[in-house]
Amino acid sequence: MNYIGSKLSLLNFIESGIKSCVGSDLSNYSFCDGFAGTGVVGAHFKQQTKQIIANDNEYYSFILNKNLICNNFDIRELIPTIEYIENFDIREGKIYKYYAAGGGNNRLYFTDYNAIKIDTYRQAIESIKKDIGEQKFFLLTSIIIRTSR
């Protein structure tokens, strides 16, 4: 995800700094990312450490990190859910109202079409969140990443 302040380009530097202090085997260590953002650092260390602790002030960051760090499922399990979401009745919502020209606030972050699509997908996920558990974070992450391009 293209994000101002992303630590993606610093991963090798961060890893070499940590390993120079504690050694190359991180498997018995917990890793804490206090400014987790898009979760690239936590995801990088996920397979190397016993635990990842991620923190950030923004809720979108919680969603991204919950997906990157906690989800361990076969994506094929989501095929029926994705079909449900793609066939959900089209609905306007907050994104359309506040971030698209047609919403009445003269905002141009998204086209009307894309804003309504985001709202529809988001509302579809909300309608089944109790049934899909942690997989909702994968679906929400997919929306966040796709709309940030």
C-alpha atoms as a PDB file:
ATOM      1  CA  MET A   1       0.000   0.000   0.000  1.00  0.00           C
ATOM      2  CA  ASN A   2       1.389   3.377  -0.981  1.00  0.00           C
ATOM      3  CA  TYR A   3       1.466   5.343   2.254  1.00  0.00           C
ATOM      4  CA  ILE A   4       3.387   8.423   3.334  1.00  0.00           C
ATOM      5  CA  GLY A   5       5.580   7.323   6.218  1.00  0.00           C
ATOM      6  CA  SER A   6       5.588   3.650   5.280  1.00  0.00           C
ATOM      7  CA  LYS A   7       8.540   1.741   6.701  1.00  0.00           C
ATOM      8  CA  LEU A   8       8.652  -0.646   3.735  1.00  0.00           C
ATOM      9  CA  SER A   9      11.935   0.781   2.469  1.00  0.00           C
ATOM     10  CA  LEU A  10      13.421   0.501   5.985  1.00  0.00           C
ATOM     11  CA  LEU A  11      12.702  -3.201   6.584  1.00  0.00           C
ATOM     12  CA  ASN A  12      16.274  -4.389   5.974  1.00  0.00           C
ATOM     13  CA  PHE A  13      17.653  -1.602   8.166  1.00  0.00           C
ATOM     14  CA  ILE A  14      15.200  -2.407  10.984  1.00  0.00           C
ATOM     15  CA  GLU A  15      15.866  -6.133  10.777  1.00  0.00           C
ATOM     16  CA  SER A  16      19.644  -5.761  10.762  1.00  0.00           C
ATOM     17  CA  GLY A  17      19.490  -3.360  13.718  1.00  0.00           C
ATOM     18  CA  ILE A  18      17.354  -5.760  15.764  1.00  0.00           C
ATOM     19  CA  LYS A  19      19.478  -8.791  14.876  1.00  0.00           C
ATOM     20  CA  SER A  20      22.688  -6.939  15.738  1.00  0.00           C
ATOM     21  CA  CYS A  21      21.283  -6.434  19.254  1.00  0.00           C
ATOM     22  CA  VAL A  22      19.611  -9.786  19.981  1.00  0.00           C
ATOM     23  CA  GLY A  23      21.031 -12.222  17.422  1.00  0.00           C
ATOM     24  CA  SER A  24      19.711 -13.758  14.246  1.00  0.00           C
ATOM     25  CA  ASP A  25      17.220 -16.172  15.834  1.00  0.00           C
ATOM     26  CA  LEU A  26      14.137 -14.147  16.713  1.00  0.00           C
ATOM     27  CA  SER A  27      11.843 -17.138  17.257  1.00  0.00           C
ATOM     28  CA  ASN A  28      11.688 -16.699  21.044  1.00  0.00           C
ATOM     29  CA  TYR A  29      11.038 -12.966  20.910  1.00  0.00           C
ATOM     30  CA  SER A  30       7.902 -10.861  20.754  1.00  0.00           C
ATOM     31  CA  PHE A  31       8.023  -7.969  18.330  1.00  0.00           C
ATOM     32  CA  CYS A  32       6.260  -4.703  19.162  1.00  0.00           C
ATOM     33  CA  ASP A  33       5.502  -2.115  16.497  1.00  0.00           C
ATOM     34  CA  GLY A  34       4.311   0.970  18.355  1.00  0.00           C
ATOM     35  CA  PHE A  35       3.520   2.923  15.189  1.00  0.00           C
ATOM     36  CA  ALA A  36       2.174   0.098  13.060  1.00  0.00           C
ATOM     37  CA  GLY A  37       0.564   2.081  10.226  1.00  0.00           C
ATOM     38  CA  THR A  38      -0.002  -0.240   7.278  1.00  0.00           C
ATOM     39  CA  GLY A  39       1.508  -3.217   9.099  1.00  0.00           C
ATOM     40  CA  VAL A  40       4.455  -3.872   6.803  1.00  0.00           C
ATOM     41  CA  VAL A  41       6.914  -4.200   9.688  1.00  0.00           C
ATOM     42  CA  GLY A  42       4.762  -6.544  11.755  1.00  0.00           C
ATOM     43  CA  ALA A  43       3.986  -8.642   8.692  1.00  0.00           C
ATOM     44  CA  HIS A  44       7.705  -8.821   7.916  1.00  0.00           C
ATOM     45  CA  PHE A  45       8.505 -10.208  11.371  1.00  0.00           C
ATOM     46  CA  LYS A  46       5.408 -12.429  11.642  1.00  0.00           C
ATOM     47  CA  GLN A  47       7.181 -15.632  10.569  1.00  0.00           C
ATOM     48  CA  GLN A  48      10.383 -14.849  12.473  1.00  0.00           C
ATOM     49  CA  THR A  49       9.019 -14.138  15.961  1.00  0.00           C
ATOM     50  CA  LYS A  50       6.702 -15.867  18.408  1.00  0.00           C
ATOM     51  CA  GLN A  51       4.334 -12.896  18.736  1.00  0.00           C
ATOM     52  CA  ILE A  52       3.573  -9.544  17.117  1.00  0.00           C
ATOM     53  CA  ILE A  53       2.167  -6.637  19.110  1.00  0.00           C
ATOM     54  CA  ALA A  54       0.962  -3.813  16.888  1.00  0.00           C
ATOM     55  CA  ASN A  55      -0.381  -0.423  17.918  1.00  0.00           C
ATOM     56  CA  ASP A  56      -1.530   2.663  16.089  1.00  0.00           C
ATOM     57  CA  ASN A  57      -3.975   5.473  16.746  1.00  0.00           C
ATOM     58  CA  GLU A  58      -5.955   4.994  13.527  1.00  0.00           C
ATOM     59  CA  TYR A  59      -8.731   2.411  13.160  1.00  0.00           C
ATOM     60  CA  TYR A  60      -7.788   1.653   9.537  1.00  0.00           C
ATOM     61  CA  SER A  61      -4.397   0.610  10.887  1.00  0.00           C
ATOM     62  CA  PHE A  62      -6.067  -1.809  13.300  1.00  0.00           C
ATOM     63  CA  ILE A  63      -7.938  -3.375  10.365  1.00  0.00           C
ATOM     64  CA  LEU A  64      -4.799  -3.680   8.224  1.00  0.00           C
ATOM     65  CA  ASN A  65      -2.701  -5.121  11.050  1.00  0.00           C
ATOM     66  CA  LYS A  66      -5.415  -7.502  12.219  1.00  0.00           C
ATOM     67  CA  ASN A  67      -5.499  -8.886   8.685  1.00  0.00           C
ATOM     68  CA  LEU A  68      -1.752  -9.027   8.074  1.00  0.00           C
ATOM     69  CA  ILE A  69      -0.804 -10.419  11.462  1.00  0.00           C
ATOM     70  CA  CYS A  70      -3.757 -12.549  12.536  1.00  0.00           C
ATOM     71  CA  ASN A  71      -5.419 -13.973   9.450  1.00  0.00           C
ATOM     72  CA  ASN A  72      -4.220 -17.450   8.521  1.00  0.00           C
ATOM     73  CA  PHE A  73      -6.967 -18.945   6.394  1.00  0.00           C
ATOM     74  CA  ASP A  74      -7.291 -20.339   2.903  1.00  0.00           C
ATOM     75  CA  ILE A  75      -8.602 -17.520   0.733  1.00  0.00           C
ATOM     76  CA  ARG A  76     -10.757 -20.011  -1.181  1.00  0.00           C
ATOM     77  CA  GLU A  77     -12.958 -20.169   1.921  1.00  0.00           C
ATOM     78  CA  LEU A  78     -14.135 -16.657   1.030  1.00  0.00           C
ATOM     79  CA  ILE A  79     -15.513 -17.452  -2.435  1.00  0.00           C
ATOM     80  CA  PRO A  80     -19.166 -17.682  -1.280  1.00  0.00           C
ATOM     81  CA  THR A  81     -18.737 -14.534   0.820  1.00  0.00           C
ATOM     82  CA  ILE A  82     -17.248 -12.589  -2.075  1.00  0.00           C
ATOM     83  CA  GLU A  83     -20.092 -13.721  -4.321  1.00  0.00           C
ATOM     84  CA  TYR A  84     -22.567 -12.505  -1.690  1.00  0.00           C
ATOM     85  CA  ILE A  85     -20.816  -9.124  -1.451  1.00  0.00           C
ATOM     86  CA  GLU A  86     -20.649  -8.668  -5.206  1.00  0.00           C
ATOM     87  CA  ASN A  87     -24.382  -9.352  -5.518  1.00  0.00           C
ATOM     88  CA  PHE A  88     -25.387  -7.141  -2.579  1.00  0.00           C
ATOM     89  CA  ASP A  89     -27.985  -4.455  -3.391  1.00  0.00           C
ATOM     90  CA  ILE A  90     -26.291  -1.188  -4.326  1.00  0.00           C
ATOM     91  CA  ARG A  91     -26.474   1.338  -1.502  1.00  0.00           C
ATOM     92  CA  GLU A  92     -25.214   4.833  -0.965  1.00  0.00           C
ATOM     93  CA  GLY A  93     -23.526   5.498   2.354  1.00  0.00           C
ATOM     94  CA  LYS A  94     -21.035   7.711   4.141  1.00  0.00           C
ATOM     95  CA  ILE A  95     -18.319   7.510   1.498  1.00  0.00           C
ATOM     96  CA  TYR A  96     -20.724   8.658  -1.207  1.00  0.00           C
ATOM     97  CA  LYS A  97     -22.249  11.323   1.021  1.00  0.00           C
ATOM     98  CA  TYR A  98     -19.003  12.853   2.232  1.00  0.00           C
ATOM     99  CA  TYR A  99     -16.356  12.002  -0.376  1.00  0.00           C
ATOM    100  CA  ALA A 100     -18.035  12.074  -3.805  1.00  0.00           C
ATOM    101  CA  ALA A 101     -19.427  14.974  -5.844  1.00  0.00           C
ATOM    102  CA  GLY A 102     -22.927  13.505  -5.999  1.00  0.00           C
ATOM    103  CA  GLY A 103     -23.177  13.299  -2.231  1.00  0.00           C
ATOM    104  CA  GLY A 104     -23.808  17.012  -1.963  1.00  0.00           C
ATOM    105  CA  ASN A 105     -20.604  18.055  -0.239  1.00  0.00           C
ATOM    106  CA  ASN A 106     -18.727  18.828  -3.480  1.00  0.00           C
ATOM    107  CA  ARG A 107     -15.923  16.469  -2.528  1.00  0.00           C
ATOM    108  CA  LEU A 108     -13.990  14.725  -5.252  1.00  0.00           C
ATOM    109  CA  TYR A 109     -12.023  12.017  -3.437  1.00  0.00           C
ATOM    110  CA  PHE A 110     -13.946   9.304  -5.295  1.00  0.00           C
ATOM    111  CA  THR A 111     -16.142   9.180  -8.361  1.00  0.00           C
ATOM    112  CA  ASP A 112     -19.801   8.694  -7.514  1.00  0.00           C
ATOM    113  CA  TYR A 113     -19.629   5.175  -8.958  1.00  0.00           C
ATOM    114  CA  ASN A 114     -16.597   4.135  -6.894  1.00  0.00           C
ATOM    115  CA  ALA A 115     -17.942   5.739  -3.705  1.00  0.00           C
ATOM    116  CA  ILE A 116     -21.206   3.837  -4.029  1.00  0.00           C
ATOM    117  CA  LYS A 117     -19.292   0.640  -4.728  1.00  0.00           C
ATOM    118  CA  ILE A 118     -17.194   1.129  -1.582  1.00  0.00           C
ATOM    119  CA  ASP A 119     -20.342   1.847   0.450  1.00  0.00           C
ATOM    120  CA  THR A 120     -22.086  -1.223  -0.950  1.00  0.00           C
ATOM    121  CA  TYR A 121     -19.178  -3.557  -0.187  1.00  0.00           C
ATOM    122  CA  ARG A 122     -18.728  -2.080   3.284  1.00  0.00           C
ATOM    123  CA  GLN A 123     -22.408  -2.472   4.121  1.00  0.00           C
ATOM    124  CA  ALA A 124     -22.444  -6.018   2.745  1.00  0.00           C
ATOM    125  CA  ILE A 125     -19.511  -6.953   4.999  1.00  0.00           C
ATOM    126  CA  GLU A 126     -21.224  -5.290   7.961  1.00  0.00           C
ATOM    127  CA  SER A 127     -24.376  -7.337   7.320  1.00  0.00           C
ATOM    128  CA  ILE A 128     -22.484 -10.644   7.666  1.00  0.00           C
ATOM    129  CA  LYS A 129     -19.635  -9.750  10.029  1.00  0.00           C
ATOM    130  CA  LYS A 130     -20.880 -12.093  12.761  1.00  0.00           C
ATOM    131  CA  ASP A 131     -20.840 -14.997  10.303  1.00  0.00           C
ATOM    132  CA  ILE A 132     -17.379 -14.420   8.853  1.00  0.00           C
ATOM    133  CA  GLY A 133     -15.368 -13.652  11.996  1.00  0.00           C
ATOM    134  CA  GLU A 134     -11.762 -12.612  11.459  1.00  0.00           C
ATOM    135  CA  GLN A 135     -12.136 -12.890   7.695  1.00  0.00           C
ATOM    136  CA  LYS A 136     -13.895  -9.526   7.748  1.00  0.00           C
ATOM    137  CA  PHE A 137     -10.489  -7.929   8.276  1.00  0.00           C
ATOM    138  CA  PHE A 138      -9.223  -9.436   5.027  1.00  0.00           C
ATOM    139  CA  LEU A 139     -12.266  -8.096   3.182  1.00  0.00           C
ATOM    140  CA  LEU A 140     -11.995  -4.634   4.738  1.00  0.00           C
ATOM    141  CA  THR A 141      -8.269  -4.563   4.010  1.00  0.00           C
ATOM    142  CA  SER A 142      -9.049  -5.387   0.398  1.00  0.00           C
ATOM    143  CA  ILE A 143     -11.307  -2.336   0.185  1.00  0.00           C
ATOM    144  CA  ILE A 144      -8.766  -0.055   1.885  1.00  0.00           C
ATOM    145  CA  ILE A 145      -5.890  -1.171  -0.328  1.00  0.00           C
ATOM    146  CA  ARG A 146      -7.915  -1.040  -3.520  1.00  0.00           C
ATOM    147  CA  THR A 147      -9.234   2.459  -2.840  1.00  0.00           C
ATOM    148  CA  SER A 148      -5.783   3.795  -1.976  1.00  0.00           C
ATOM    149  CA  ARG A 149      -4.436   3.145  -5.481  1.00  0.00           C
END
